[in-house]
Protein backbone atom coordinates (compact mmCIF):
# COMPACT_ATOMS: atom_id res chain seq x y z
CA MET A 1 -8.65 8.95 18.82
CA GLN A 2 -9.84 12.63 18.63
CA GLN A 3 -9.29 15.01 16.05
CA ASN A 4 -6.64 16.84 18.40
CA ASP A 5 -4.94 13.56 19.04
CA TYR A 6 -3.91 13.13 15.38
CA GLN A 7 -2.75 16.62 15.06
CA GLN A 8 -0.64 16.23 18.04
CA ALA A 9 0.87 12.66 16.70
CA LEU A 10 1.47 14.62 13.26
CA GLN A 11 3.35 17.39 15.09
CA ILE A 12 5.51 14.87 16.98
CA LEU A 13 6.00 12.85 13.79
CA ASN A 14 7.19 16.06 12.02
CA ASN A 15 9.59 16.85 14.68
CA LEU A 16 10.76 13.02 14.85
CA SER A 17 11.27 13.14 11.20
CA LYS A 18 13.63 16.11 11.34
CA SER A 19 15.56 14.68 14.07
CA VAL A 20 16.33 11.33 11.92
CA GLN A 21 17.11 12.78 8.50
CA ASN A 22 20.52 11.01 8.40
CA LYS A 23 19.34 7.66 9.35
CA LYS A 24 17.34 6.00 6.56
CA TYR A 25 15.82 3.07 8.57
CA ASP A 26 14.37 5.34 11.16
CA GLN A 27 13.07 7.81 8.64
CA ALA A 28 11.18 4.73 6.87
CA VAL A 29 9.72 3.99 10.20
CA VAL A 30 8.54 7.23 10.64
CA TYR A 31 6.87 7.38 7.39
CA GLN A 32 5.15 4.22 7.93
CA THR A 33 3.76 5.82 11.19
CA PHE A 34 2.67 8.86 9.43
CA ARG A 35 0.50 6.69 6.97
CA TYR A 36 -1.57 5.37 10.11
CA VAL A 37 -2.19 9.03 11.38
CA TYR A 38 -3.24 10.48 8.12
CA SER A 39 -5.71 7.50 7.57
CA GLY A 40 -7.15 8.02 10.84
CA LEU A 41 -7.74 11.81 9.48
CA SER A 42 -9.19 10.30 6.38
CA LYS A 43 -6.07 11.73 4.45
CA TYR A 44 -5.47 8.87 1.76
CA LYS A 45 -3.26 10.23 -0.43
CA GLU A 46 -0.92 11.72 2.19
CA ALA A 47 -1.43 7.76 3.73
CA ALA A 48 -0.42 6.66 0.55
CA ASP A 49 2.71 9.13 0.07
CA SER A 50 3.91 8.20 3.40
CA PHE A 51 4.15 4.49 2.56
CA ILE A 52 5.69 5.21 -0.75
CA LYS A 53 8.26 7.35 0.87
CA ALA A 54 9.04 4.50 3.44
CA VAL A 55 9.61 2.22 0.53
CA LYS A 56 11.61 4.83 -1.49
CA LEU A 57 14.48 4.95 1.40
CA ARG A 58 15.18 0.98 0.40
CA SER A 59 16.03 0.52 4.16
CA LEU A 60 13.36 -1.60 5.56
CA PRO A 61 13.39 -5.40 5.61
CA LYS A 62 12.11 -7.14 2.34
CA SER A 63 9.16 -8.77 4.24
CA ILE A 64 7.97 -5.27 5.39
CA THR A 65 8.56 -3.51 1.87
CA HIS A 66 6.58 -6.52 0.45
CA GLU A 67 3.50 -5.89 2.30
CA LEU A 68 4.04 -1.99 2.10
CA ASN A 69 3.65 -2.42 -2.06
CA TYR A 70 0.29 -4.15 -1.38
CA SER A 71 -0.91 -1.60 0.86
CA ILE A 72 0.13 1.36 -1.42
CA THR A 73 -1.78 -0.57 -4.15
CA GLN A 74 -4.80 -0.60 -2.28
CA LEU A 75 -4.55 3.04 -1.16
CA LEU A 76 -3.62 4.19 -4.57
CA ILE A 77 -6.46 2.26 -6.14
CA HIS A 78 -8.86 4.90 -4.45
CA GLN A 79 -6.60 8.29 -5.60
CA GLY A 80 -6.65 7.87 -9.11
CA SER A 81 -2.72 7.18 -9.62
CA TYR A 82 -3.44 4.78 -12.01
CA LYS A 83 0.26 4.03 -13.61
CA GLU A 84 1.78 4.26 -10.48
CA ARG A 85 -0.33 1.51 -8.53
CA LEU A 86 0.44 -0.91 -11.33
CA LYS A 87 4.17 -0.46 -10.27
CA TYR A 88 3.58 -1.27 -6.49
CA ILE A 89 1.18 -4.30 -7.20
CA THR A 90 3.76 -5.58 -9.98
CA ASP A 91 6.24 -5.70 -7.21
CA TRP A 92 4.24 -7.56 -4.63
CA PHE A 93 3.73 -10.06 -7.42
CA ARG A 94 7.21 -10.52 -8.31
CA HIS A 95 8.15 -11.14 -4.53
CA GLU A 96 4.93 -12.96 -3.18
CA LYS A 97 5.37 -16.64 -2.55
CA LYS A 98 1.82 -17.65 -2.21
CA LEU A 99 -0.52 -15.74 -4.84
CA SER A 100 -4.06 -15.35 -3.19
CA ALA A 101 -7.17 -14.64 -4.74
CA GLU A 102 -7.14 -11.22 -3.11
CA GLY A 103 -4.03 -10.66 -4.29
CA HIS A 104 -5.09 -11.27 -8.00
CA TYR A 105 -8.56 -9.22 -7.42
CA LEU A 106 -6.54 -6.11 -6.17
CA ALA A 107 -4.37 -6.61 -9.18
CA ALA A 108 -7.77 -6.99 -11.55
CA THR A 109 -9.02 -3.88 -10.03
CA ALA A 110 -5.84 -1.85 -11.06
CA TYR A 111 -6.14 -3.15 -14.45
CA TYR A 112 -9.61 -2.25 -14.83
CA TYR A 113 -8.72 1.36 -13.92
CA GLU A 114 -6.08 1.45 -16.66
CA LYS A 115 -8.63 -0.19 -19.06
CA ASN A 116 -6.36 -2.98 -19.65
CA TYR A 117 -9.13 -5.57 -19.94
CA LYS A 118 -6.93 -8.75 -21.10
CA GLN A 119 -4.93 -8.37 -17.68
CA LEU A 120 -8.07 -7.66 -16.14
CA ILE A 121 -9.66 -10.65 -17.18
CA PHE A 122 -6.22 -12.80 -16.53
CA GLN A 123 -6.31 -11.67 -12.97
CA ALA A 124 -10.08 -12.16 -12.53
CA ARG A 125 -9.94 -15.78 -13.66
CA ASN A 126 -6.73 -16.33 -11.35
CA ALA A 127 -8.56 -14.75 -8.30
CA ILE A 128 -11.59 -17.12 -9.09
CA ALA A 129 -9.24 -20.09 -9.40
CA LYS A 130 -7.90 -19.14 -6.14
CA ARG A 131 -10.86 -18.55 -4.02
CA ASP A 132 -12.34 -20.95 -1.49
CA PRO A 133 -15.27 -22.66 -2.28
CA ALA A 134 -18.49 -21.06 -1.06
CA PRO A 135 -19.88 -22.72 1.96
CA SER A 136 -22.96 -25.06 1.05
CA SER A 137 -25.25 -23.41 3.33
């Protein structure tokens, strides 16, 4: 998309956001969509904020909220919102049925920035234990 297309999308989403103020689910979907536009504009703080607003409305299906928590953590790792990112990865872990190496690696990264090396090591070990073996070639 071109820069002008993103700006036009933002204008449409702003208008849509105003028209659905009394409908929490619709608002949450609009906030999710804002995230994609902001990411296209390389505005990652605004992208994270949009997902956070969607989650805070508590109106999306649990499975969507679950995936948003993971995405929020990824976005916040690059933003310096250290304490906040631990909240979202913790929520993700609490509801994840099949913990992956990638999830543990993301948690390890969040704990690294918190300088919580005990948890960093714990998560890194779990990530290593769950990774797929490297191909012999």
